[in-house]
Amino acid sequence: MEPYSVQSLFKVGLGPSSSHTLGPMRAAERFQATLIKDQLRERVSRVHVILYGSLALTGKGHHTDRAVVMGLCGLDAAHVDPNEAKDAWDYVRRMNELPLPGGPVIKFSPTYDIEFAEDTFLPAHPNALRFAAFDAEGHELTAETWFSVGGGAIAQTTKLADPEQDMLKDFPDHRRFPFSNAEELLVHCEQANTSIAEAILANEEAMGIPREDVLGWVNHVVDAMRDCCQRGLEASEGMLEGGLGVRRRAPHLWAQCRDTAVDDPLAAMDWLTVYALAVNEENAAGHRVVTAPTNGAAGVIPAVLMYWQNQLKVPTQPAGLTATEVFLLTAAAVGWLYKRNASISAAEVGCQGEIGVASSMAAAGLCAVLGGTPGQIEHAAEIAMEHHLGLTCDPVGGLVQIPCIERNAVGAVKAVQAARLAMRSPEAHRVSLDEVMQTMAQTGADMSQHYKETALAGLAVNVVVC
């Protein structure tokens, strides 16, 4: 994927975590593809995997071991049926053997061949994993180290290895409106008299991506979000896997919302809540979700989008694009800025990089479809993040359940509040999105590692898990 494209922000994959499940699964897919490319597959007798740092500390709760096995089996994270993926994991765990795609079936025990190096953090990124393949004599045939850098994205080198390195400098920038921060984007919009969504669409086209393909991608993402939310609303009530005793609440709350009087002044919060819970309960169950920009924060953007579509029913139809396309392209522009200038990885910056970024993206998208100017959209995104600064990631039991599921609902409510506040305020404001983004990155760097998706502090140690 072109590094300047906003399309990297949204990926369809399995829950419960984009960085701890989807990323490792994709890395494992890449490693088994290397075995094929280098003509090593038939010589492989053993595969060993090491999970480092945050991946190791919460790997069980985030199903990282399962994800690695599914990827080594050659399953495609974007298209595999969740039941097929579970069957593959159950087979390997039960039989202690791994069927390499198109190749031999080798002995493989998840207990012994997936190592959890909890005390080892590689300097390039907290989410690291190493794959090694050996022949029958025990000689290492090949090895790869991958980093899961947030939102399901993977890399073999990261900017953390050199904080001064601009990871985009080696790539030619063919965008019509090149920008690296929000200020530059706003200048382009003013000079060209265009919206943020149209500027982003023009950029994708300038990089050789046909307009119809971009809009097709937008609508595919929105459909996947809507489908996930609907599955969560219609799911059977019951306990989520993991042992925390967390029950699905979305189906029951959905019934209550439909019975709520239309003149209830607080109904908006209930609808935002039920939509967010529905998505993140699906994520916690390991079902298909859209990284938005991550799995742990997957419910914020769909909640705001579905509330706007289903309850507000605002007939906004900007010229040339549907309102849904405006919403997602605008949100994606903001998400790309965070990914470029800060982080969307809780293992790097805490949950401000997940729920905070999702809320900021949703606020921008909502402000856009409500008729906000580019300046108001930037202000909405800034407000949403400003009030998520310092948010820690402390999942109880290493599971994406407590506090993650409810936190999506709160992030969605904040996004709506931020959009409305921005549209009722003067465009000139004291804190810019670029400044709050820089602050978020600095706050994350200063945050104790214990509060960055390691389950070593906060709720993770103060909530007793029986």
Protein backbone atom coordinates (compact mmCIF):
# COMPACT_ATOMS: atom_id res chain seq x y z
CA MET A 1 0.00 0.00 0.00
CA GLU A 2 1.27 3.46 -0.93
CA PRO A 3 2.54 5.02 2.36
CA TYR A 4 0.71 8.28 1.66
CA SER A 5 -2.64 6.58 1.13
CA VAL A 6 -5.29 6.94 3.81
CA GLN A 7 -6.63 3.50 2.91
CA SER A 8 -4.13 1.88 5.26
CA LEU A 9 -6.20 3.12 8.22
CA PHE A 10 -9.07 0.70 7.81
CA LYS A 11 -8.50 -3.05 7.54
CA VAL A 12 -10.99 -5.88 7.81
CA GLY A 13 -9.79 -8.66 10.11
CA LEU A 14 -10.50 -10.76 13.16
CA GLY A 15 -10.63 -9.57 16.77
CA PRO A 16 -9.81 -9.01 19.49
CA SER A 17 -6.77 -6.80 18.84
CA SER A 18 -5.37 -5.20 15.71
CA SER A 19 -1.82 -4.97 17.06
CA HIS A 20 -1.84 -8.22 19.05
CA THR A 21 -4.02 -10.40 16.79
CA LEU A 22 -4.33 -9.02 13.27
CA GLY A 23 -0.73 -7.77 13.04
CA PRO A 24 0.90 -11.03 14.21
CA MET A 25 -1.41 -13.04 11.95
CA ARG A 26 -0.36 -10.96 8.96
CA ALA A 27 3.31 -11.29 9.94
CA ALA A 28 2.95 -15.07 10.14
CA GLU A 29 1.32 -15.05 6.69
CA ARG A 30 4.32 -13.11 5.37
CA PHE A 31 6.78 -15.54 6.94
CA GLN A 32 5.17 -18.62 5.44
CA ALA A 33 5.11 -16.76 2.10
CA THR A 34 8.88 -16.26 2.49
CA LEU A 35 9.32 -20.02 2.89
CA ILE A 36 7.55 -20.50 -0.43
CA LYS A 37 9.39 -17.69 -2.21
CA ASP A 38 12.81 -18.91 -1.06
CA GLN A 39 11.90 -22.53 -1.89
CA LEU A 40 12.41 -23.63 1.71
CA ARG A 41 8.98 -25.00 2.49
CA GLU A 42 9.77 -28.64 1.70
CA ARG A 43 12.91 -28.52 3.87
CA VAL A 44 11.20 -27.15 6.97
CA SER A 45 10.96 -29.56 9.88
CA ARG A 46 10.31 -27.09 12.72
CA VAL A 47 9.09 -23.53 13.19
CA HIS A 48 9.74 -21.55 16.36
CA VAL A 49 8.10 -18.24 17.27
CA ILE A 50 9.15 -15.76 19.95
CA LEU A 51 6.75 -13.08 21.16
CA TYR A 52 8.45 -10.13 22.83
CA GLY A 53 7.38 -7.43 25.27
CA SER A 54 3.76 -6.34 25.06
CA LEU A 55 2.87 -9.15 22.65
CA ALA A 56 4.10 -11.65 25.23
CA LEU A 57 2.57 -10.00 28.30
CA THR A 58 -0.97 -9.90 26.92
CA GLY A 59 -0.61 -12.48 24.17
CA LYS A 60 -2.88 -15.08 25.76
CA GLY A 61 -5.74 -12.67 26.34
CA HIS A 62 -5.33 -11.09 22.90
CA HIS A 63 -5.10 -14.51 21.17
CA THR A 64 -1.67 -13.72 19.75
CA ASP A 65 -0.66 -17.39 19.84
CA ARG A 66 -3.80 -18.32 17.92
CA ALA A 67 -3.19 -15.56 15.40
CA VAL A 68 0.35 -16.76 14.72
CA VAL A 69 -0.86 -20.30 14.13
CA MET A 70 -3.64 -19.12 11.81
CA GLY A 71 -1.17 -17.05 9.80
CA LEU A 72 1.30 -19.94 9.53
CA CYS A 73 -1.58 -22.06 8.24
CA GLY A 74 -1.89 -19.55 5.41
CA LEU A 75 -5.27 -18.11 6.44
CA ASP A 76 -6.02 -14.65 5.06
CA ALA A 77 -6.95 -12.32 7.90
CA ALA A 78 -9.20 -10.18 5.71
CA HIS A 79 -11.37 -12.99 4.37
CA VAL A 80 -11.17 -16.06 6.61
CA ASP A 81 -14.35 -17.16 8.31
CA PRO A 82 -13.97 -16.86 12.11
CA ASN A 83 -15.17 -20.45 12.56
CA GLU A 84 -12.60 -21.73 10.06
CA ALA A 85 -9.89 -19.84 11.90
CA LYS A 86 -10.97 -21.33 15.23
CA ASP A 87 -11.01 -24.83 13.71
CA ALA A 88 -7.44 -24.37 12.46
CA TRP A 89 -6.27 -23.33 15.93
CA ASP A 90 -8.11 -26.22 17.60
CA TYR A 91 -6.57 -28.72 15.16
CA VAL A 92 -3.00 -27.54 15.72
CA ARG A 93 -3.42 -27.43 19.49
CA ARG A 94 -5.06 -30.87 19.62
CA MET A 95 -2.79 -32.67 17.13
CA ASN A 96 0.45 -30.79 17.84
CA GLU A 97 1.11 -30.48 14.15
CA LEU A 98 1.08 -27.60 11.69
CA PRO A 99 -0.03 -27.96 8.06
CA LEU A 100 2.11 -25.53 6.08
CA PRO A 101 0.00 -24.34 3.12
CA GLY A 102 0.83 -26.44 0.08
CA GLY A 103 3.66 -28.12 1.92
CA PRO A 104 4.45 -30.65 4.62
CA VAL A 105 2.65 -31.16 7.90
CA ILE A 106 5.27 -30.57 10.59
CA LYS A 107 5.32 -31.20 14.31
CA PHE A 108 4.32 -28.06 16.13
CA SER A 109 3.25 -27.57 19.73
CA PRO A 110 1.88 -24.11 20.59
CA THR A 111 3.02 -24.73 24.15
CA TYR A 112 6.67 -25.28 23.23
CA ASP A 113 7.08 -23.67 19.82
CA ILE A 114 5.57 -20.30 20.73
CA GLU A 115 7.77 -18.64 23.33
CA PHE A 116 6.51 -15.74 25.45
CA ALA A 117 9.52 -13.52 26.23
CA GLU A 118 7.69 -11.25 28.66
CA ASP A 119 10.80 -9.54 30.03
CA THR A 120 12.34 -8.71 26.67
CA PHE A 121 11.38 -5.53 24.80
CA LEU A 122 13.13 -4.98 21.48
CA PRO A 123 14.23 -1.34 21.11
CA ALA A 124 12.50 -0.76 17.77
CA HIS A 125 8.94 -1.32 19.08
CA PRO A 126 7.16 -2.89 22.10
CA ASN A 127 5.22 -5.28 19.83
CA ALA A 128 7.82 -7.59 18.30
CA LEU A 129 7.88 -11.21 17.19
CA ARG A 130 10.48 -13.47 15.58
CA PHE A 131 9.90 -16.46 13.31
CA ALA A 132 12.56 -19.06 12.63
CA ALA A 133 12.43 -22.19 10.46
CA PHE A 134 14.74 -25.19 10.99
CA ASP A 135 15.54 -28.29 8.96
CA ALA A 136 15.54 -31.88 10.25
CA GLU A 137 19.11 -31.51 11.55
CA GLY A 138 18.21 -28.41 13.56
CA HIS A 139 19.92 -25.92 11.27
CA GLU A 140 18.21 -22.55 10.97
CA LEU A 141 17.04 -22.10 7.40
CA THR A 142 15.72 -18.56 7.72
CA ALA A 143 14.39 -16.12 10.30
CA GLU A 144 12.43 -12.87 10.29
CA THR A 145 11.64 -10.29 12.96
CA TRP A 146 8.45 -8.31 12.59
CA PHE A 147 6.91 -5.42 14.50
CA SER A 148 3.16 -4.93 14.89
CA VAL A 149 3.02 -1.16 14.85
CA GLY A 150 -0.70 -0.53 15.38
CA GLY A 151 -3.95 -0.87 13.49
CA GLY A 152 -2.92 -4.22 12.03
CA ALA A 153 0.06 -2.67 10.24
CA ILE A 154 3.35 -4.57 10.33
CA ALA A 155 6.92 -3.57 9.55
CA GLN A 156 10.43 -4.93 9.71
CA THR A 157 11.89 -1.55 10.61
CA THR A 158 10.21 1.24 12.55
CA LYS A 159 10.83 4.91 13.25
CA LEU A 160 11.49 4.08 16.92
CA ALA A 161 14.85 2.68 15.87
CA ASP A 162 15.76 6.27 14.90
CA PRO A 163 13.41 8.92 16.37
CA GLU A 164 14.70 11.49 13.87
CA GLN A 165 13.94 9.30 10.87
CA ASP A 166 11.04 10.31 8.66
CA MET A 167 9.68 6.99 7.43
CA LEU A 168 8.22 8.69 4.33
CA LYS A 169 11.32 10.51 3.12
CA ASP A 170 12.44 7.65 0.88
CA PHE A 171 9.12 7.56 -0.96
CA PRO A 172 8.21 10.01 -3.74
CA ASP A 173 5.12 12.04 -2.89
CA HIS A 174 2.80 12.24 -5.89
CA ARG A 175 -0.18 13.69 -4.04
CA ARG A 176 -1.98 16.67 -5.55
CA PHE A 177 -2.20 18.27 -2.11
CA PRO A 178 0.90 17.07 -0.21
CA PHE A 179 0.70 17.61 3.53
CA SER A 180 2.42 16.25 6.61
CA ASN A 181 0.42 18.09 9.26
CA ALA A 182 -3.01 19.60 9.77
CA GLU A 183 -1.86 23.16 9.12
CA GLU A 184 -0.62 22.27 5.64
CA LEU A 185 -3.86 20.43 4.88
CA LEU A 186 -5.94 23.45 5.90
CA VAL A 187 -3.84 25.75 3.70
CA HIS A 188 -4.47 23.49 0.70
CA CYS A 189 -8.21 23.48 1.40
CA GLU A 190 -8.33 27.25 1.64
CA GLN A 191 -6.21 27.90 -1.46
CA ALA A 192 -8.04 25.36 -3.60
CA ASN A 193 -11.44 26.14 -2.07
CA THR A 194 -12.03 22.47 -1.45
CA SER A 195 -13.15 20.24 1.39
CA ILE A 196 -10.86 17.88 3.29
CA ALA A 197 -12.70 14.88 1.82
CA GLU A 198 -12.29 16.12 -1.77
CA ALA A 199 -8.61 16.91 -1.13
CA ILE A 200 -8.04 13.38 0.14
CA LEU A 201 -9.87 11.89 -2.82
CA ALA A 202 -7.78 14.01 -5.20
CA ASN A 203 -4.63 12.77 -3.50
CA GLU A 204 -5.60 9.13 -3.88
CA GLU A 205 -6.36 9.71 -7.57
CA ALA A 206 -3.01 11.47 -8.06
CA MET A 207 -1.28 8.38 -6.70
CA GLY A 208 -2.86 6.31 -9.44
CA ILE A 209 -5.87 4.96 -7.55
CA PRO A 210 -9.01 5.42 -9.68
CA ARG A 211 -11.78 7.47 -8.10
CA GLU A 212 -14.25 4.60 -8.35
CA ASP A 213 -11.81 2.30 -6.55
CA VAL A 214 -11.38 4.78 -3.69
CA LEU A 215 -15.12 5.25 -3.28
CA GLY A 216 -15.65 1.50 -3.62
CA TRP A 217 -13.16 1.01 -0.77
CA VAL A 218 -15.00 3.61 1.35
CA ASN A 219 -18.33 1.89 0.90
CA HIS A 220 -16.81 -1.56 1.49
CA VAL A 221 -15.42 -0.32 4.82
CA VAL A 222 -18.73 1.27 5.83
CA ASP A 223 -20.66 -1.87 4.88
CA ALA A 224 -18.27 -4.01 6.95
CA MET A 225 -18.70 -1.66 9.93
CA ARG A 226 -22.48 -1.74 9.58
CA ASP A 227 -22.55 -5.54 9.25
CA CYS A 228 -20.37 -5.96 12.35
CA CYS A 229 -22.59 -3.63 14.38
CA GLN A 230 -25.75 -5.40 13.27
CA ARG A 231 -24.30 -8.81 14.20
CA GLY A 232 -23.50 -7.45 17.64
CA LEU A 233 -26.98 -6.04 18.09
CA GLU A 234 -28.64 -9.30 17.06
CA ALA A 235 -26.25 -11.66 18.88
CA SER A 236 -27.45 -14.01 21.58
CA GLU A 237 -26.92 -12.64 25.05
CA GLY A 238 -24.28 -14.58 26.89
CA MET A 239 -20.83 -14.56 28.40
CA LEU A 240 -17.83 -13.46 26.38
CA GLU A 241 -14.90 -15.88 26.28
CA GLY A 242 -12.00 -15.21 28.61
CA GLY A 243 -13.14 -15.87 32.17
CA LEU A 244 -13.89 -12.30 33.27
CA GLY A 245 -17.63 -12.90 33.43
CA VAL A 246 -18.35 -10.10 30.97
CA ARG A 247 -21.76 -10.47 29.36
CA ARG A 248 -22.90 -9.14 26.02
CA ARG A 249 -25.10 -6.13 26.73
CA ALA A 250 -25.75 -4.71 23.28
CA PRO A 251 -28.77 -6.93 22.37
CA HIS A 252 -30.59 -6.06 25.61
CA LEU A 253 -29.74 -2.36 25.38
CA TRP A 254 -30.82 -2.31 21.74
CA ALA A 255 -34.28 -3.54 22.74
CA GLN A 256 -34.43 -0.85 25.41
CA CYS A 257 -33.37 1.87 22.97
CA ARG A 258 -36.10 0.91 20.52
CA ASP A 259 -38.64 1.29 23.33
CA THR A 260 -37.28 4.66 24.48
CA ALA A 261 -39.51 7.66 23.94
CA VAL A 262 -38.37 9.73 20.99
CA ASP A 263 -38.40 12.89 23.12
CA ASP A 264 -35.96 11.49 25.71
CA PRO A 265 -33.24 14.20 25.83
CA LEU A 266 -30.55 11.63 26.70
CA ALA A 267 -31.47 9.08 24.03
CA ALA A 268 -28.47 10.11 21.90
CA MET A 269 -26.06 8.77 24.50
CA ASP A 270 -27.94 5.48 24.66
CA TRP A 271 -27.84 4.97 20.88
CA LEU A 272 -24.14 5.84 20.67
CA THR A 273 -23.48 3.44 23.53
CA VAL A 274 -25.37 0.49 22.10
CA TYR A 275 -23.74 0.81 18.68
CA ALA A 276 -20.26 1.00 20.19
CA LEU A 277 -20.89 -1.93 22.54
CA ALA A 278 -22.24 -4.05 19.68
CA VAL A 279 -19.06 -3.65 17.64
CA ASN A 280 -16.65 -4.19 20.49
CA GLU A 281 -18.47 -7.20 21.86
CA GLU A 282 -18.08 -8.72 18.39
CA ASN A 283 -14.40 -7.81 18.54
CA ALA A 284 -13.99 -9.36 21.99
CA ALA A 285 -15.58 -12.54 20.61
CA GLY A 286 -12.88 -12.74 17.93
CA HIS A 287 -15.28 -12.02 15.08
CA ARG A 288 -14.74 -9.86 11.98
CA VAL A 289 -14.34 -6.13 12.60
CA VAL A 290 -12.78 -3.11 10.90
CA THR A 291 -9.70 -1.50 12.42
CA ALA A 292 -10.88 2.06 13.00
CA PRO A 293 -8.04 2.75 13.41
CA THR A 294 -7.53 -0.28 15.69
CA ASN A 295 -9.61 -3.24 16.85
CA GLY A 296 -9.65 -2.08 20.46
CA ALA A 297 -11.17 1.22 19.28
CA ALA A 298 -13.25 -0.30 16.47
CA GLY A 299 -16.60 0.82 17.88
CA VAL A 300 -16.18 4.59 18.08
CA ILE A 301 -16.39 5.53 14.40
CA PRO A 302 -19.21 3.07 13.52
CA ALA A 303 -21.19 4.26 16.54
CA VAL A 304 -21.03 7.91 15.49
CA LEU A 305 -21.63 7.07 11.84
CA MET A 306 -24.64 4.85 12.56
CA TYR A 307 -26.12 7.34 15.03
CA TRP A 308 -25.84 10.08 12.44
CA GLN A 309 -27.40 7.89 9.74
CA ASN A 310 -30.14 6.21 11.79
CA GLN A 311 -31.15 8.72 14.47
CA LEU A 312 -30.17 12.17 13.25
CA LYS A 313 -31.15 11.45 9.64
CA VAL A 314 -29.61 14.73 8.55
CA PRO A 315 -30.14 15.11 4.79
CA THR A 316 -26.68 16.54 4.17
CA GLN A 317 -25.51 15.63 0.65
CA PRO A 318 -22.30 17.49 -0.28
CA ALA A 319 -21.86 17.99 -4.01
CA GLY A 320 -19.99 15.17 -5.73
CA LEU A 321 -19.75 12.81 -2.75
CA THR A 322 -22.27 11.09 -0.53
CA ALA A 323 -22.27 12.16 3.08
CA THR A 324 -20.97 8.72 4.10
CA GLU A 325 -18.00 9.14 1.78
CA VAL A 326 -17.34 12.59 3.20
CA PHE A 327 -17.46 11.20 6.74
CA LEU A 328 -14.98 8.38 6.16
CA LEU A 329 -12.52 10.27 3.95
CA THR A 330 -12.39 13.13 6.46
CA ALA A 331 -11.91 10.74 9.37
CA ALA A 332 -9.20 8.91 7.43
CA ALA A 333 -7.30 12.16 6.82
CA VAL A 334 -7.15 12.80 10.57
CA GLY A 335 -6.18 9.21 11.31
CA TRP A 336 -3.36 9.37 8.78
CA LEU A 337 -1.96 12.44 10.53
CA TYR A 338 -1.87 10.62 13.87
CA LYS A 339 -0.25 7.58 12.29
CA ARG A 340 2.39 9.76 10.66
CA ASN A 341 3.12 12.22 13.50
CA ALA A 342 2.32 10.29 16.68
CA SER A 343 1.03 6.72 16.99
CA ILE A 344 -2.10 4.58 16.86
CA SER A 345 -0.48 1.85 18.96
CA ALA A 346 -1.45 1.49 22.63
CA ALA A 347 1.81 -0.37 23.20
CA GLU A 348 3.62 2.85 22.25
CA VAL A 349 1.44 5.62 23.70
CA GLY A 350 -1.35 4.04 25.74
CA CYS A 351 -5.04 4.09 24.92
CA GLN A 352 -4.94 7.76 23.93
CA GLY A 353 -3.48 6.38 20.70
CA GLU A 354 -6.48 4.12 20.14
CA ILE A 355 -9.71 5.44 21.70
CA GLY A 356 -8.35 8.99 21.60
CA VAL A 357 -7.47 8.80 17.92
CA ALA A 358 -10.75 7.07 17.04
CA SER A 359 -12.73 9.77 18.86
CA SER A 360 -10.75 12.48 17.09
CA MET A 361 -11.38 10.85 13.71
CA ALA A 362 -15.09 10.41 14.43
CA ALA A 363 -15.43 14.02 15.58
CA ALA A 364 -13.86 15.22 12.33
CA GLY A 365 -16.10 13.00 10.21
CA LEU A 366 -19.27 14.09 11.99
CA CYS A 367 -18.36 17.76 11.82
CA ALA A 368 -17.80 17.38 8.07
CA VAL A 369 -21.21 15.83 7.34
CA LEU A 370 -22.93 18.41 9.54
CA GLY A 371 -21.55 21.10 7.24
CA GLY A 372 -18.46 22.12 9.17
CA THR A 373 -15.67 24.05 7.47
CA PRO A 374 -12.16 22.58 7.29
CA GLY A 375 -11.21 24.83 10.21
CA GLN A 376 -14.12 23.60 12.31
CA ILE A 377 -13.29 20.00 11.42
CA GLU A 378 -9.70 20.49 12.58
CA HIS A 379 -11.02 22.06 15.80
CA ALA A 380 -13.40 19.13 16.42
CA ALA A 381 -10.57 16.62 16.00
CA GLU A 382 -8.40 18.64 18.38
CA ILE A 383 -11.07 18.88 21.09
CA ALA A 384 -11.71 15.14 21.05
CA MET A 385 -8.04 14.27 21.49
CA GLU A 386 -7.35 17.00 24.02
CA HIS A 387 -9.72 15.30 26.44
CA HIS A 388 -8.23 11.84 25.93
CA LEU A 389 -4.65 12.91 26.66
CA GLY A 390 -2.91 10.57 29.08
CA LEU A 391 -5.44 7.75 28.70
CA THR A 392 -3.73 4.53 29.74
CA CYS A 393 -4.09 1.02 28.37
CA ASP A 394 -4.58 -1.41 31.27
CA PRO A 395 -6.68 -4.36 30.03
CA VAL A 396 -7.85 -6.67 32.80
CA GLY A 397 -6.58 -10.18 32.20
CA GLY A 398 -4.96 -8.99 28.97
CA LEU A 399 -8.40 -9.17 27.34
CA VAL A 400 -9.97 -6.50 25.13
CA GLN A 401 -13.02 -6.30 27.41
CA ILE A 402 -12.46 -4.26 30.58
CA PRO A 403 -12.26 -1.27 30.22
CA CYS A 404 -12.08 -1.45 26.41
CA ILE A 405 -15.69 -2.18 25.48
CA GLU A 406 -17.27 0.61 27.54
CA ARG A 407 -14.43 2.98 26.66
CA ASN A 408 -15.57 2.90 23.02
CA ALA A 409 -18.99 4.17 24.05
CA VAL A 410 -17.45 7.03 26.02
CA GLY A 411 -15.18 7.89 23.09
CA ALA A 412 -18.17 8.04 20.75
CA VAL A 413 -20.05 10.43 23.06
CA LYS A 414 -16.98 12.65 23.32
CA ALA A 415 -16.68 12.72 19.53
CA VAL A 416 -20.23 14.06 19.15
CA GLN A 417 -19.67 16.61 21.89
CA ALA A 418 -16.42 17.75 20.25
CA ALA A 419 -18.06 18.17 16.83
CA ARG A 420 -20.96 20.19 18.24
CA LEU A 421 -18.69 22.37 20.35
CA ALA A 422 -16.42 23.09 17.38
CA MET A 423 -19.36 24.10 15.19
CA ARG A 424 -20.64 26.50 17.85
CA SER A 425 -17.29 28.16 18.48
CA PRO A 426 -15.29 30.71 16.52
CA GLU A 427 -12.96 29.03 14.01
CA ALA A 428 -9.96 30.66 15.65
CA HIS A 429 -9.00 28.58 18.67
CA ARG A 430 -6.09 28.47 21.07
CA VAL A 431 -4.88 24.86 20.66
CA SER A 432 -4.27 23.38 17.22
CA LEU A 433 -4.62 19.77 16.17
CA ASP A 434 -0.90 19.66 15.41
CA GLU A 435 -0.09 20.87 18.92
CA VAL A 436 -2.37 18.34 20.61
CA MET A 437 -0.96 15.58 18.39
CA GLN A 438 2.57 16.49 19.43
CA THR A 439 1.46 16.55 23.05
CA MET A 440 -0.11 13.11 22.72
CA ALA A 441 3.13 11.68 21.34
CA GLN A 442 5.19 13.28 24.13
CA THR A 443 2.74 12.08 26.79
CA GLY A 444 2.97 8.56 25.43
CA ALA A 445 6.76 8.67 25.47
CA ASP A 446 6.72 9.80 29.11
CA MET A 447 4.11 7.23 30.17
CA SER A 448 5.31 4.26 32.20
CA GLN A 449 5.56 1.09 30.13
CA HIS A 450 3.29 -0.52 32.74
CA TYR A 451 0.35 1.49 31.37
CA LYS A 452 0.92 0.68 27.70
CA GLU A 453 -0.93 -2.57 26.88
CA THR A 454 1.18 -4.72 29.19
CA ALA A 455 -1.47 -5.45 31.86
CA LEU A 456 1.16 -4.65 34.51
CA ALA A 457 -0.64 -1.76 36.24
CA GLY A 458 -3.93 0.09 36.64
CA LEU A 459 -7.16 -1.86 36.42
CA ALA A 460 -5.23 -4.88 35.22
CA VAL A 461 -3.72 -5.40 38.68
CA ASN A 462 -6.42 -3.86 40.88
CA VAL A 463 -9.35 -5.87 39.52
CA VAL A 464 -9.31 -9.35 41.01
CA VAL A 465 -9.77 -12.05 38.35
CA CYS A 466 -10.98 -15.32 39.87
